[in-house]
Amino acid sequence: MQAKAAVNEKPVHSINNAFASKFAKSMFLSVCGLFILSFIGTRMFTHVDLNLYGYMVGTIVFLGGFFYRFIAWGERPPTKIMIKKGIKLLFRKSTPQTTVEHLATYRFIWNRGIYRWTQHLLIGWGCILACCVTFPLVFGWMYFTMDDNGMYNIILFGLQIMTVPANGIIANLSYNALNITAVMVIAGVCMVLYRRFKNMQARAEQKFMYDFLPLIMLLLVSITGLALTFLNMFMDGEGQPAMSLIHQWTVIITLIYLPFGKLAHIPFRPMSVFAKNYREHYGEQSMKKCKVCETEFVSTEQSNDVVDVLHVNDIQFEMEEGFHLAELCLPCRRKYRIAQFSGFPTHEVKVKEANQNAKG
């Protein structure tokens, strides 16, 4: 009977079966989406700037790297839990405020000092605004035209959305949008470099390839971009072809590198909204008390999720004392690990660490 039922069972048809992996499906859908948007924006490819072809290739490679990293990260058991529950909590009343604080004003960095907040604000918004200008131009979603009467037309997806005087404020902001963002990035990167050379803790922890290389690449992109404007305005275009190629290659290399280095946290940053909602929502329901000092240190849901994830990965942290290591707060957990080497139950000593509640 079971064999007969198996024969009669209809095969399940799913779009996932058409692709070798989630990465392949994501790339296919992304390229199709870009193709459709470009088809619409360029009016059936009648307005395509071939000078921007290299940037287009670099952007597509960047998307491939981004999806590869995101899918690999998203397949991890703890990430799956966070994303799944984060989506369910996306419509919390506090989500708009959390989104603004994490993605726009960077308020979470404000606690670390106004200097670090300023440098993040300059680099973050400089990169975001530059992408908002560059990508629509690269894929033909946006372009500009000039009338004989000196009026400047801004075209978005084939529609003329604005006509302004060529020497007006809006037109000049459009001409210099990338110059403004380049100055923002250069100022922010210089602030970061100054701090990294001046701060002893930063000097001790940083590495050239991970910490300095991304900053150098951002500097190269911004400086070569400003150099193009300088050559046009003050050198009558002398050396512009060579500088244009240098700038294009710095942008392409940065885009290809971006998903695999420290700068990857820029496209991953929206996930912080999920994490904040997760902590707040389940923290409001019930808090987990430490098994040793009985201090509430994390939500009960998060503690249970940590235990479940460790079991999924076949990592056992059940202690002889009858509790799980994840059920201890961080200070008691550290003291418990010391106790395993010293033989003295340091985790039972009712003395807290001096910097236990430090912020920033």
Protein backbone atom coordinates (compact mmCIF):
# COMPACT_ATOMS: atom_id res chain seq x y z
CA MET A 1 0.00 0.00 0.00
CA GLN A 2 2.84 2.40 0.90
CA ALA A 3 4.58 1.67 -2.39
CA LYS A 4 1.33 2.31 -4.29
CA ALA A 5 0.82 5.61 -2.45
CA ALA A 6 4.38 6.64 -3.29
CA VAL A 7 3.78 5.89 -6.97
CA ASN A 8 0.54 7.89 -7.02
CA GLU A 9 2.04 10.84 -5.18
CA LYS A 10 2.40 13.82 -7.49
CA PRO A 11 5.81 15.47 -7.74
CA VAL A 12 6.09 18.86 -6.08
CA HIS A 13 6.86 21.61 -8.59
CA SER A 14 8.80 24.55 -7.23
CA ILE A 15 10.84 27.34 -8.75
CA ASN A 16 13.72 26.25 -6.51
CA ASN A 17 14.01 23.01 -8.49
CA ALA A 18 15.02 24.98 -11.59
CA PHE A 19 18.24 26.23 -9.96
CA ALA A 20 21.34 24.51 -8.68
CA SER A 21 21.38 26.57 -5.47
CA LYS A 22 19.84 29.54 -3.67
CA PHE A 23 22.77 31.61 -4.86
CA ALA A 24 22.02 30.78 -8.50
CA LYS A 25 18.33 31.64 -8.04
CA SER A 26 19.13 34.96 -6.32
CA MET A 27 21.60 35.98 -9.03
CA PHE A 28 19.20 35.01 -11.83
CA LEU A 29 16.32 37.00 -10.32
CA SER A 30 18.58 40.00 -9.61
CA VAL A 31 20.00 40.12 -13.13
CA CYS A 32 16.48 39.75 -14.56
CA GLY A 33 15.26 42.58 -12.34
CA LEU A 34 18.14 44.85 -13.40
CA PHE A 35 17.51 43.97 -17.06
CA ILE A 36 13.80 44.83 -16.80
CA LEU A 37 14.46 48.10 -14.95
CA SER A 38 17.13 49.07 -17.47
CA PHE A 39 14.83 48.15 -20.36
CA ILE A 40 12.16 50.47 -18.95
CA GLY A 41 14.52 53.23 -17.83
CA THR A 42 16.39 53.45 -21.14
CA ARG A 43 13.21 53.23 -23.22
CA MET A 44 14.02 49.83 -24.71
CA PHE A 45 17.79 50.48 -24.58
CA THR A 46 17.61 53.56 -26.80
CA HIS A 47 19.55 55.61 -24.24
CA VAL A 48 22.57 53.62 -23.05
CA ASP A 49 25.87 55.21 -22.02
CA LEU A 50 28.55 52.68 -23.03
CA ASN A 51 31.16 54.68 -21.11
CA LEU A 52 29.56 53.29 -17.94
CA TYR A 53 29.74 49.65 -19.08
CA GLY A 54 32.61 48.82 -16.73
CA TYR A 55 30.68 50.12 -13.72
CA MET A 56 27.74 47.93 -14.74
CA VAL A 57 29.91 44.80 -14.82
CA GLY A 58 31.43 45.69 -11.45
CA THR A 59 27.96 46.18 -9.94
CA ILE A 60 26.75 42.79 -11.18
CA VAL A 61 29.86 41.10 -9.74
CA PHE A 62 29.23 42.96 -6.48
CA LEU A 63 25.67 41.57 -6.38
CA GLY A 64 27.04 38.06 -6.90
CA GLY A 65 29.47 38.45 -4.03
CA PHE A 66 26.82 39.99 -1.81
CA PHE A 67 24.33 37.17 -2.37
CA TYR A 68 27.06 34.58 -1.85
CA ARG A 69 28.01 36.11 1.51
CA PHE A 70 24.43 36.76 2.59
CA ILE A 71 23.18 33.25 1.74
CA ALA A 72 26.18 31.62 3.42
CA TRP A 73 25.57 33.76 6.50
CA GLY A 74 21.80 33.27 6.39
CA GLU A 75 22.12 29.47 6.32
CA ARG A 76 23.73 29.42 9.76
CA PRO A 77 21.30 28.18 12.46
CA PRO A 78 21.47 31.33 14.66
CA THR A 79 21.03 33.61 11.65
CA LYS A 80 18.04 31.60 10.45
CA ILE A 81 16.34 32.09 13.80
CA MET A 82 17.08 35.81 13.90
CA ILE A 83 15.85 36.43 10.34
CA LYS A 84 12.73 34.28 10.74
CA LYS A 85 11.66 35.93 13.99
CA GLY A 86 12.86 39.36 12.82
CA ILE A 87 10.51 39.24 9.82
CA LYS A 88 7.58 38.39 12.11
CA LEU A 89 8.43 41.38 14.31
CA LEU A 90 8.99 43.78 11.39
CA PHE A 91 5.67 45.58 11.99
CA ARG A 92 6.33 46.50 15.61
CA LYS A 93 5.45 50.09 16.51
CA SER A 94 9.09 50.78 17.30
CA THR A 95 10.38 49.57 13.91
CA PRO A 96 10.30 53.02 12.18
CA GLN A 97 12.21 54.62 15.05
CA THR A 98 14.71 51.74 15.18
CA THR A 99 15.20 51.94 11.42
CA VAL A 100 15.92 55.68 11.54
CA GLU A 101 18.32 55.34 14.48
CA HIS A 102 20.25 52.41 12.97
CA LEU A 103 20.24 53.29 9.28
CA ALA A 104 19.93 57.09 9.12
CA THR A 105 21.10 58.91 12.26
CA TYR A 106 23.47 56.19 13.61
CA ARG A 107 22.36 56.99 17.13
CA PHE A 108 23.81 53.72 18.41
CA ILE A 109 27.30 55.16 17.68
CA TRP A 110 26.52 58.42 19.46
CA ASN A 111 27.16 56.70 22.81
CA ARG A 112 30.76 56.08 21.72
CA GLY A 113 31.41 59.78 21.23
CA ILE A 114 30.58 62.58 18.82
CA TYR A 115 33.88 62.14 16.96
CA ARG A 116 33.18 58.51 16.01
CA TRP A 117 29.55 59.38 15.24
CA THR A 118 30.62 62.16 12.86
CA GLN A 119 33.09 59.98 10.97
CA HIS A 120 30.49 57.21 10.55
CA LEU A 121 27.87 59.71 9.44
CA LEU A 122 30.16 61.21 6.79
CA ILE A 123 31.34 57.87 5.39
CA GLY A 124 27.95 56.15 5.64
CA TRP A 125 25.86 58.86 4.01
CA GLY A 126 28.63 59.70 1.55
CA CYS A 127 28.61 56.11 0.27
CA ILE A 128 24.81 55.81 0.30
CA LEU A 129 24.23 59.06 -1.62
CA ALA A 130 26.97 58.17 -4.10
CA CYS A 131 25.29 54.81 -4.77
CA CYS A 132 21.90 56.52 -5.16
CA VAL A 133 23.40 58.68 -7.91
CA THR A 134 25.78 56.19 -9.55
CA PHE A 135 23.61 53.08 -9.89
CA PRO A 136 20.66 54.83 -11.62
CA LEU A 137 23.13 56.43 -14.06
CA VAL A 138 24.97 53.16 -14.70
CA PHE A 139 21.82 51.18 -15.51
CA GLY A 140 20.19 53.99 -17.44
CA TRP A 141 17.36 54.55 -14.97
CA MET A 142 18.26 58.24 -14.81
CA TYR A 143 19.94 60.65 -17.22
CA PHE A 144 20.01 64.35 -18.05
CA THR A 145 19.36 66.42 -21.16
CA MET A 146 19.84 70.09 -22.01
CA ASP A 147 17.42 72.22 -24.04
CA ASP A 148 18.48 74.99 -26.40
CA ASN A 149 16.91 77.56 -24.09
CA GLY A 150 19.31 76.66 -21.28
CA MET A 151 16.89 74.48 -19.30
CA TYR A 152 18.15 71.29 -17.66
CA ASN A 153 15.94 68.15 -17.79
CA ILE A 154 16.14 65.30 -15.28
CA ILE A 155 14.81 62.04 -16.77
CA LEU A 156 13.87 59.13 -14.46
CA PHE A 157 12.72 55.83 -16.00
CA GLY A 158 11.99 57.60 -19.26
CA LEU A 159 9.83 60.27 -17.61
CA GLN A 160 10.83 63.91 -17.44
CA ILE A 161 10.35 64.56 -13.75
CA MET A 162 11.97 67.99 -13.48
CA THR A 163 13.06 70.92 -15.63
CA VAL A 164 15.30 73.51 -13.97
CA PRO A 165 17.59 76.36 -15.09
CA ALA A 166 21.02 75.05 -16.05
CA ASN A 167 22.71 77.54 -13.72
CA GLY A 168 20.25 77.06 -10.85
CA ILE A 169 20.79 75.53 -7.43
CA ILE A 170 19.15 72.16 -8.24
CA ALA A 171 21.11 71.79 -11.47
CA ASN A 172 24.39 72.60 -9.73
CA LEU A 173 23.61 70.11 -6.97
CA SER A 174 22.98 67.49 -9.68
CA TYR A 175 26.29 68.28 -11.40
CA ASN A 176 28.23 68.14 -8.15
CA ALA A 177 26.37 65.43 -6.24
CA LEU A 178 29.24 62.95 -6.56
CA ASN A 179 31.78 65.68 -5.74
CA ILE A 180 29.90 66.46 -2.53
CA THR A 181 29.73 62.79 -1.53
CA ALA A 182 33.44 62.40 -2.34
CA VAL A 183 34.32 65.26 0.03
CA MET A 184 32.13 63.67 2.72
CA VAL A 185 33.88 60.30 2.34
CA ILE A 186 37.37 61.85 2.29
CA ALA A 187 36.63 63.85 5.46
CA GLY A 188 35.20 60.77 7.22
CA VAL A 189 38.07 58.50 6.18
CA CYS A 190 40.67 61.06 7.31
CA MET A 191 38.96 61.24 10.71
CA VAL A 192 39.07 57.44 10.95
CA LEU A 193 42.74 57.27 9.97
CA TYR A 194 43.63 59.97 12.51
CA ARG A 195 41.87 58.05 15.27
CA ARG A 196 43.44 54.74 14.26
CA PHE A 197 46.93 56.22 14.39
CA LYS A 198 46.29 58.20 17.58
CA ASN A 199 44.25 55.74 19.69
CA MET A 200 46.52 53.13 21.31
CA GLN A 201 43.78 50.49 21.61
CA ALA A 202 42.89 50.87 17.92
CA ARG A 203 46.58 50.66 16.96
CA ALA A 204 46.95 47.42 18.90
CA GLU A 205 43.89 45.73 17.38
CA GLN A 206 43.90 46.86 13.75
CA LYS A 207 45.27 45.00 10.73
CA PHE A 208 46.33 46.52 7.43
CA MET A 209 44.36 44.24 5.10
CA TYR A 210 41.16 44.28 7.16
CA ASP A 211 41.12 47.77 8.67
CA PHE A 212 43.26 50.03 6.46
CA LEU A 213 42.78 48.60 2.96
CA PRO A 214 39.01 49.42 2.82
CA LEU A 215 39.74 53.02 3.88
CA ILE A 216 42.47 53.36 1.26
CA MET A 217 40.12 52.06 -1.43
CA LEU A 218 37.43 54.57 -0.44
CA LEU A 219 40.03 57.34 -0.55
CA LEU A 220 41.19 56.30 -4.03
CA VAL A 221 37.64 56.24 -5.38
CA SER A 222 36.85 59.66 -3.93
CA ILE A 223 40.13 61.37 -4.85
CA THR A 224 40.16 60.08 -8.44
CA GLY A 225 36.52 61.17 -8.80
CA LEU A 226 37.36 64.69 -7.66
CA ALA A 227 40.40 64.66 -9.94
CA LEU A 228 38.10 64.20 -12.95
CA THR A 229 36.22 67.36 -12.00
CA PHE A 230 39.49 69.23 -11.42
CA LEU A 231 40.85 68.23 -14.85
CA ASN A 232 37.64 69.32 -16.55
CA MET A 233 37.39 72.68 -14.80
CA PHE A 234 41.01 73.80 -14.57
CA MET A 235 43.00 71.71 -17.09
CA ASP A 236 40.67 71.82 -20.10
CA GLY A 237 40.26 68.06 -19.91
CA GLU A 238 43.98 67.35 -20.09
CA GLY A 239 44.64 63.81 -18.82
CA GLN A 240 40.96 63.08 -18.36
CA PRO A 241 40.90 59.83 -20.43
CA ALA A 242 43.65 58.28 -18.29
CA MET A 243 42.14 59.52 -15.03
CA SER A 244 38.72 58.25 -16.13
CA LEU A 245 40.12 54.74 -16.55
CA ILE A 246 41.93 54.92 -13.19
CA HIS A 247 38.74 56.04 -11.46
CA GLN A 248 36.68 53.35 -13.18
CA TRP A 249 39.08 50.61 -12.13
CA THR A 250 39.21 51.80 -8.52
CA VAL A 251 35.40 51.75 -8.39
CA ILE A 252 35.16 48.30 -10.00
CA ILE A 253 37.81 46.78 -7.68
CA THR A 254 36.13 48.33 -4.64
CA LEU A 255 32.73 46.96 -5.67
CA ILE A 256 34.18 43.46 -6.20
CA TYR A 257 36.01 43.59 -2.86
CA LEU A 258 33.15 45.13 -0.87
CA PRO A 259 31.14 41.94 -0.04
CA PHE A 260 34.25 40.11 1.21
CA GLY A 261 35.89 42.66 3.50
CA LYS A 262 35.07 45.00 6.36
CA LEU A 263 32.88 47.18 4.12
CA ALA A 264 30.41 44.29 3.85
CA HIS A 265 28.71 45.58 6.99
CA ILE A 266 27.28 48.44 4.89
CA PRO A 267 24.80 46.29 2.88
CA PHE A 268 24.30 43.99 5.89
CA ARG A 269 23.42 46.85 8.23
CA PRO A 270 19.59 46.60 7.78
CA MET A 271 19.72 43.26 9.62
CA SER A 272 20.47 45.20 12.80
CA VAL A 273 16.82 46.31 12.83
CA PHE A 274 15.79 42.64 13.04
CA ALA A 275 18.22 42.04 15.90
CA LYS A 276 17.01 45.09 17.85
CA ASN A 277 13.35 44.09 17.43
CA TYR A 278 14.20 40.54 18.50
CA ARG A 279 15.91 41.68 21.70
CA GLU A 280 13.28 44.25 22.61
CA HIS A 281 10.19 42.12 21.91
CA TYR A 282 11.27 39.03 23.79
CA GLY A 283 12.89 41.11 26.52
CA GLU A 284 9.48 42.68 27.19
CA GLN A 285 7.91 39.22 27.55
CA SER A 286 10.27 37.64 30.08
CA MET A 287 13.89 37.93 31.12
CA LYS A 288 16.27 35.11 31.93
CA LYS A 289 17.92 35.15 35.35
CA CYS A 290 21.50 34.01 35.72
CA LYS A 291 21.68 30.62 37.48
CA VAL A 292 24.43 31.91 39.77
CA CYS A 293 23.83 35.59 40.61
CA GLU A 294 20.14 35.70 39.54
CA THR A 295 20.73 38.88 37.52
CA GLU A 296 18.44 39.31 34.50
CA PHE A 297 20.83 39.41 31.58
CA VAL A 298 18.96 38.31 28.43
CA SER A 299 15.45 37.38 27.31
CA THR A 300 14.24 33.86 28.04
CA GLU A 301 13.55 33.35 24.33
CA GLN A 302 17.10 34.28 23.35
CA SER A 303 18.58 32.02 26.01
CA ASN A 304 16.47 29.10 24.79
CA ASP A 305 17.43 29.85 21.18
CA VAL A 306 21.12 29.79 22.08
CA VAL A 307 20.73 26.40 23.77
CA ASP A 308 18.79 25.03 20.78
CA VAL A 309 21.39 26.29 18.29
CA LEU A 310 24.21 24.70 20.28
CA HIS A 311 22.30 21.40 20.27
CA VAL A 312 21.77 21.64 16.50
CA ASN A 313 25.54 21.99 16.09
CA ASP A 314 26.08 19.12 18.57
CA ILE A 315 27.86 21.42 21.03
CA GLN A 316 27.12 20.41 24.60
CA PHE A 317 27.60 22.89 27.43
CA GLU A 318 25.58 21.20 30.17
CA MET A 319 27.58 21.54 33.38
CA GLU A 320 27.88 19.07 36.24
CA GLU A 321 26.20 21.62 38.52
CA GLY A 322 22.95 21.12 36.62
CA PHE A 323 22.81 24.22 34.43
CA HIS A 324 23.72 25.11 30.85
CA LEU A 325 26.63 27.49 30.32
CA ALA A 326 24.35 29.73 28.23
CA GLU A 327 22.19 30.24 31.34
CA LEU A 328 24.95 32.25 33.05
CA CYS A 329 25.47 35.98 32.56
CA LEU A 330 28.76 36.99 30.97
CA PRO A 331 30.64 37.87 34.21
CA CYS A 332 29.60 34.59 35.87
CA ARG A 333 30.40 32.68 32.71
CA ARG A 334 33.92 34.09 32.64
CA LYS A 335 34.43 33.35 36.34
CA TYR A 336 33.08 29.83 35.86
CA ARG A 337 35.61 29.15 33.12
CA ILE A 338 38.37 30.41 35.43
CA ALA A 339 37.08 28.02 38.10
CA GLN A 340 37.66 25.06 35.77
CA PHE A 341 41.39 25.85 35.75
CA SER A 342 41.88 27.14 39.29
CA GLY A 343 39.72 24.59 41.09
CA PHE A 344 38.20 27.43 43.14
CA PRO A 345 34.49 28.19 42.50
CA THR A 346 35.09 31.80 41.46
CA HIS A 347 31.67 32.04 39.81
CA GLU A 348 30.03 31.71 43.23
CA VAL A 349 31.88 34.74 44.62
CA LYS A 350 29.31 37.56 44.98
CA VAL A 351 31.63 40.24 43.66
CA LYS A 352 30.92 41.87 40.31
CA GLU A 353 33.47 43.05 37.78
CA ALA A 354 34.23 46.78 37.89
CA ASN A 355 33.38 47.27 34.19
CA GLN A 356 30.51 44.79 34.06
CA ASN A 357 27.91 47.38 33.01
CA ALA A 358 30.21 49.50 30.86
CA LYS A 359 28.63 51.06 27.78
CA GLY A 360 30.01 52.11 24.43
